[in-house]
Amino acid sequence: MRITVVPASTKTGVATIKSLLSKPVQGNASEKGTLDLTGSDVVLVIIPPVFDGRDLIEHAEKVSSNIKTAIELAGNVKRLVLLSSGGAEFSEGVGEIKTNNKAEEILRQTKVESIVFVRCAYFMENWTMNLATLKGPDSFFFSTITPVDYKIQMVSILDIGTCLAEQLTDQANLRKKLHIVELHGPQKYSPLDVRAAFTRALGKEVDLRPVEKHHLHQFYAQIFPPTILDYWVEMAMSILPDGKLGTEYLLRPRGPVLYGRTILETAIKASCEA
């Protein structure tokens, strides 16, 4: 079996490849006609986020369409696995997650025998994207998830890689062409749990600085270009208890749930050491 990962440069792609011990395909998914998937039996698709100000939805649509075309031109791909996200069933009210909705919309039409969408929970490693504030004597990190004792589903990239590898190599016949699974961690965690994990990983006290709902726009304006700012603010708001992906949403899984084994402390420690 030949498995192709497109693109292979993302953290989740790397984790999956390590689990598969496979080789990535050559080409650029953003450029039409550059992908040659000839000989691939299974394809893993990852739509990485972009931060340069381009339209997020248009980018997701272009990449997904290019990959769909390449798969169908190859003629021999039997299974497509997409790294998606919780909330991908929504086309409104979930901000940046709408890129996964667009990818699912396009790729579900791909002419292959089976399609698997793996809708992942919040990445544990998201908390370590900016380690600069943790250096020095006054270590702290920001949390856009409030209140700080609010627990949500989180999953480690390590478990995502393992799950994707399993979905790519599973030879069992799926009951239907489209199969959607949700991937969670072993338990729910809160920002307070994240603080405790940082404290143990770094061997020192770490301060938690919550970003309240009414400050989200101002906070993200320091990070993202104005053209994509609203996408990230809306996504952050959707995760809060009263948001579209908040407390009520967490009570109703949209498909079979798979559970990773990596606990938050392990994921945080591994990221800090790296």
Protein backbone atom coordinates (compact mmCIF):
# COMPACT_ATOMS: atom_id res chain seq x y z
CA MET A 1 0.00 0.00 0.00
CA ARG A 2 1.26 3.46 -0.88
CA ILE A 3 0.04 6.28 1.35
CA THR A 4 0.32 9.95 0.43
CA VAL A 5 0.25 12.85 2.90
CA VAL A 6 -0.73 16.25 1.45
CA PRO A 7 0.80 18.54 2.63
CA ALA A 8 3.47 16.81 4.70
CA SER A 9 5.00 19.88 6.36
CA THR A 10 2.39 20.46 9.09
CA LYS A 11 2.88 19.21 12.66
CA THR A 12 0.02 16.76 12.28
CA GLY A 13 1.40 15.60 8.95
CA VAL A 14 4.81 14.97 10.49
CA ALA A 15 3.23 13.08 13.39
CA THR A 16 1.28 10.91 10.98
CA ILE A 17 4.31 10.21 8.81
CA LYS A 18 6.35 9.21 11.84
CA SER A 19 3.61 6.77 12.73
CA LEU A 20 3.40 5.44 9.18
CA LEU A 21 7.14 5.54 8.35
CA SER A 22 6.05 6.57 4.86
CA LYS A 23 7.19 9.21 2.37
CA PRO A 24 5.35 12.42 1.45
CA VAL A 25 4.31 13.27 -2.10
CA GLN A 26 6.08 15.97 -4.07
CA GLY A 27 4.16 19.03 -5.25
CA ASN A 28 2.27 22.07 -3.99
CA ALA A 29 -1.39 21.65 -3.15
CA SER A 30 -1.89 25.39 -3.59
CA GLU A 31 -0.85 25.21 -7.24
CA LYS A 32 -3.23 23.52 -9.63
CA GLY A 33 -1.79 20.66 -11.62
CA THR A 34 1.43 20.22 -9.61
CA LEU A 35 0.32 17.18 -7.60
CA ASP A 36 0.95 13.75 -9.06
CA LEU A 37 -0.74 11.09 -6.94
CA THR A 38 -0.19 8.26 -9.39
CA GLY A 39 0.39 5.03 -7.52
CA SER A 40 -1.16 6.24 -4.26
CA ASP A 41 -3.75 3.91 -2.74
CA VAL A 42 -4.70 6.19 0.15
CA VAL A 43 -4.37 9.97 0.58
CA LEU A 44 -4.34 11.97 3.80
CA VAL A 45 -5.44 15.57 3.30
CA ILE A 46 -4.54 18.38 5.69
CA ILE A 47 -5.68 21.96 5.08
CA PRO A 48 -3.14 24.05 7.04
CA PRO A 49 -4.18 27.49 8.31
CA VAL A 50 -2.75 30.57 6.60
CA PHE A 51 -1.81 33.75 8.43
CA ASP A 52 -0.67 36.09 5.65
CA GLY A 53 -3.99 37.88 5.19
CA ARG A 54 -5.35 35.93 2.22
CA ASP A 55 -8.99 34.84 2.29
CA LEU A 56 -9.10 31.69 4.44
CA ILE A 57 -12.17 30.18 2.81
CA GLU A 58 -10.94 30.78 -0.74
CA HIS A 59 -7.61 29.18 0.18
CA ALA A 60 -9.32 26.10 1.64
CA GLU A 61 -11.54 25.84 -1.42
CA LYS A 62 -8.60 26.07 -3.82
CA VAL A 63 -6.42 23.55 -2.00
CA SER A 64 -9.31 21.09 -1.54
CA SER A 65 -10.32 21.36 -5.19
CA ASN A 66 -6.74 20.86 -6.38
CA ILE A 67 -6.33 17.76 -4.22
CA LYS A 68 -9.71 16.37 -5.31
CA THR A 69 -8.73 16.81 -8.95
CA ALA A 70 -5.32 15.19 -8.42
CA ILE A 71 -6.90 12.20 -6.68
CA GLU A 72 -9.39 11.64 -9.46
CA LEU A 73 -6.77 12.06 -12.19
CA ALA A 74 -4.59 9.45 -10.49
CA GLY A 75 -7.42 6.97 -10.91
CA ASN A 76 -6.17 4.46 -8.37
CA VAL A 77 -6.80 6.13 -4.97
CA LYS A 78 -9.23 4.05 -2.93
CA ARG A 79 -9.47 6.03 0.30
CA LEU A 80 -9.29 9.69 1.30
CA VAL A 81 -8.75 10.69 4.93
CA LEU A 82 -9.19 14.34 5.91
CA LEU A 83 -7.87 15.92 9.09
CA SER A 84 -10.87 18.03 10.07
CA SER A 85 -12.15 19.70 13.21
CA GLY A 86 -14.97 19.57 15.68
CA GLY A 87 -17.60 22.00 14.43
CA ALA A 88 -16.80 21.37 10.76
CA GLU A 89 -20.46 20.64 10.10
CA PHE A 90 -21.17 24.36 10.49
CA SER A 91 -20.71 26.93 7.71
CA GLU A 92 -21.43 29.89 9.97
CA GLY A 93 -20.61 31.01 13.51
CA VAL A 94 -17.36 29.07 13.93
CA GLY A 95 -14.79 31.39 12.36
CA GLU A 96 -11.62 29.77 11.04
CA ILE A 97 -13.18 26.32 11.43
CA LYS A 98 -15.26 27.19 8.37
CA THR A 99 -12.18 26.24 6.32
CA ASN A 100 -12.76 22.64 7.44
CA ASN A 101 -16.41 22.93 6.50
CA LYS A 102 -15.39 24.01 3.00
CA ALA A 103 -12.84 21.19 2.73
CA GLU A 104 -15.43 18.62 3.79
CA GLU A 105 -17.98 20.04 1.36
CA ILE A 106 -15.61 19.63 -1.59
CA LEU A 107 -13.79 16.44 -0.67
CA ARG A 108 -16.93 14.46 0.20
CA GLN A 109 -17.66 14.50 -3.56
CA THR A 110 -14.33 12.84 -4.46
CA LYS A 111 -14.70 9.70 -6.58
CA VAL A 112 -13.08 7.13 -4.29
CA GLU A 113 -14.34 4.02 -2.51
CA SER A 114 -14.24 5.46 1.01
CA ILE A 115 -13.84 8.85 2.68
CA VAL A 116 -13.02 9.43 6.37
CA PHE A 117 -13.31 12.78 8.12
CA VAL A 118 -11.46 12.86 11.45
CA ARG A 119 -12.88 15.78 13.43
CA CYS A 120 -10.35 16.62 16.12
CA ALA A 121 -10.86 18.41 19.40
CA TYR A 122 -8.80 21.43 20.47
CA PHE A 123 -5.08 20.70 20.08
CA MET A 124 -3.23 20.44 23.39
CA GLU A 125 -0.16 21.83 21.65
CA ASN A 126 -2.00 25.07 20.84
CA TRP A 127 -1.06 26.21 24.34
CA THR A 128 2.65 26.06 23.46
CA MET A 129 2.52 28.11 20.25
CA ASN A 130 4.05 31.09 22.05
CA LEU A 131 6.58 29.97 24.62
CA ALA A 132 8.28 33.37 24.82
CA THR A 133 6.07 34.52 27.71
CA LEU A 134 7.10 31.46 29.70
CA LYS A 135 10.76 32.42 29.73
CA GLY A 136 12.22 34.51 32.50
CA PRO A 137 11.31 34.79 36.16
CA ASP A 138 7.72 36.01 35.58
CA SER A 139 6.37 33.16 33.46
CA PHE A 140 2.81 33.45 32.18
CA PHE A 141 0.54 32.45 29.33
CA PHE A 142 -2.68 33.85 27.91
CA SER A 143 -5.95 31.95 27.72
CA THR A 144 -8.72 33.01 25.35
CA ILE A 145 -10.81 30.22 26.87
CA THR A 146 -12.78 31.54 29.85
CA PRO A 147 -13.78 31.06 32.59
CA VAL A 148 -10.50 29.46 33.58
CA ASP A 149 -12.20 26.44 35.16
CA TYR A 150 -14.18 25.72 31.98
CA LYS A 151 -13.26 22.26 30.68
CA ILE A 152 -13.23 21.39 26.97
CA GLN A 153 -12.19 18.43 24.83
CA MET A 154 -8.47 18.51 23.98
CA VAL A 155 -6.29 16.05 22.09
CA SER A 156 -2.54 15.78 21.49
CA ILE A 157 -0.90 15.88 18.08
CA LEU A 158 0.73 12.58 19.03
CA ASP A 159 -2.68 10.90 19.21
CA ILE A 160 -3.86 12.68 16.07
CA GLY A 161 -0.92 11.21 14.15
CA THR A 162 -1.66 7.73 15.48
CA CYS A 163 -5.38 8.00 14.70
CA LEU A 164 -4.79 9.23 11.15
CA ALA A 165 -2.28 6.46 10.53
CA GLU A 166 -4.82 3.90 11.73
CA GLN A 167 -7.54 5.34 9.49
CA LEU A 168 -5.17 5.29 6.52
CA THR A 169 -4.11 1.68 6.98
CA ASP A 170 -7.39 0.13 8.17
CA GLN A 171 -8.32 -2.54 5.66
CA ALA A 172 -11.78 -3.16 7.10
CA ASN A 173 -14.69 -2.27 4.85
CA LEU A 174 -16.54 0.81 6.06
CA ARG A 175 -20.29 0.51 6.31
CA LYS A 176 -20.79 3.49 4.04
CA LYS A 177 -18.69 5.60 1.70
CA LEU A 178 -18.48 8.58 4.08
CA HIS A 179 -17.36 7.86 7.64
CA ILE A 180 -17.06 10.67 10.23
CA VAL A 181 -15.30 10.14 13.57
CA GLU A 182 -14.54 12.52 16.41
CA LEU A 183 -11.15 12.40 18.12
CA HIS A 184 -10.89 13.46 21.77
CA GLY A 185 -8.22 13.18 24.43
CA PRO A 186 -8.54 10.89 27.45
CA GLN A 187 -10.44 13.58 29.41
CA LYS A 188 -11.55 17.22 29.34
CA TYR A 189 -9.20 19.95 30.54
CA SER A 190 -9.47 23.58 31.63
CA PRO A 191 -6.99 26.48 31.45
CA LEU A 192 -6.31 25.81 35.13
CA ASP A 193 -5.21 22.31 34.17
CA VAL A 194 -2.94 23.85 31.54
CA ARG A 195 -1.35 26.10 34.17
CA ALA A 196 -0.68 23.09 36.38
CA ALA A 197 0.86 21.22 33.44
CA PHE A 198 3.15 24.17 32.63
CA THR A 199 4.16 24.48 36.28
CA ARG A 200 5.16 20.84 36.44
CA ALA A 201 6.88 20.84 33.05
CA LEU A 202 8.94 23.97 33.78
CA GLY A 203 9.53 23.36 37.47
CA LYS A 204 8.35 26.84 38.46
CA GLU A 205 5.14 28.74 39.07
CA VAL A 206 3.39 29.91 35.91
CA ASP A 207 0.76 32.65 35.87
CA LEU A 208 -2.47 32.37 33.90
CA ARG A 209 -3.75 35.55 32.24
CA PRO A 210 -7.31 35.13 30.93
CA VAL A 211 -8.47 37.16 27.92
CA GLU A 212 -12.13 37.91 28.56
CA LYS A 213 -14.70 37.67 25.79
CA HIS A 214 -15.02 41.45 25.32
CA HIS A 215 -11.23 41.73 24.89
CA LEU A 216 -10.82 39.02 22.24
CA HIS A 217 -10.89 41.39 19.27
CA GLN A 218 -8.25 43.65 20.78
CA PHE A 219 -6.11 40.65 21.74
CA TYR A 220 -6.18 38.97 18.32
CA ALA A 221 -5.62 42.29 16.54
CA GLN A 222 -2.04 42.10 17.83
CA ILE A 223 -1.56 38.74 16.08
CA PHE A 224 -3.55 38.56 12.85
CA PRO A 225 -3.93 40.87 9.81
CA PRO A 226 -7.22 42.82 9.69
CA THR A 227 -8.47 40.77 6.72
CA ILE A 228 -8.64 37.54 8.75
CA LEU A 229 -9.03 38.93 12.27
CA ASP A 230 -12.78 38.32 12.50
CA TYR A 231 -12.38 34.63 11.60
CA TRP A 232 -10.15 34.01 14.62
CA VAL A 233 -12.24 36.10 17.00
CA GLU A 234 -15.39 34.26 15.97
CA MET A 235 -13.70 30.88 16.39
CA ALA A 236 -12.48 31.82 19.88
CA MET A 237 -15.97 32.95 20.84
CA SER A 238 -17.56 29.79 19.45
CA ILE A 239 -15.56 27.65 21.92
CA LEU A 240 -16.78 29.55 25.00
CA PRO A 241 -19.56 28.04 27.17
CA ASP A 242 -22.34 30.01 25.43
CA GLY A 243 -20.79 29.66 21.96
CA LYS A 244 -21.80 27.41 19.09
CA LEU A 245 -19.21 24.82 20.13
CA GLY A 246 -19.63 25.42 23.84
CA THR A 247 -21.22 23.45 26.65
CA GLU A 248 -24.35 22.29 24.80
CA TYR A 249 -22.37 21.19 21.74
CA LEU A 250 -19.92 19.17 23.83
CA LEU A 251 -22.79 17.07 25.18
CA ARG A 252 -23.76 15.72 21.75
CA PRO A 253 -21.03 13.95 19.72
CA ARG A 254 -21.66 14.10 15.95
CA GLY A 255 -20.22 10.66 15.24
CA PRO A 256 -18.34 7.76 16.80
CA VAL A 257 -15.81 9.08 19.34
CA LEU A 258 -12.22 7.83 19.45
CA TYR A 259 -10.11 8.65 22.50
CA GLY A 260 -6.39 9.37 22.52
CA ARG A 261 -4.17 8.23 25.37
CA THR A 262 -1.81 11.21 25.75
CA ILE A 263 -2.56 13.30 28.83
CA LEU A 264 -2.20 17.07 28.81
CA GLU A 265 0.90 17.10 31.03
CA THR A 266 2.75 14.77 28.64
CA ALA A 267 1.89 16.89 25.60
CA ILE A 268 2.87 20.16 27.30
CA LYS A 269 6.13 18.72 28.59
CA ALA A 270 7.08 17.32 25.18
CA SER A 271 6.43 20.67 23.49
CA CYS A 272 8.41 22.61 26.10
CA GLU A 273 11.37 20.25 25.77
CA ALA A 274 11.28 20.50 21.98
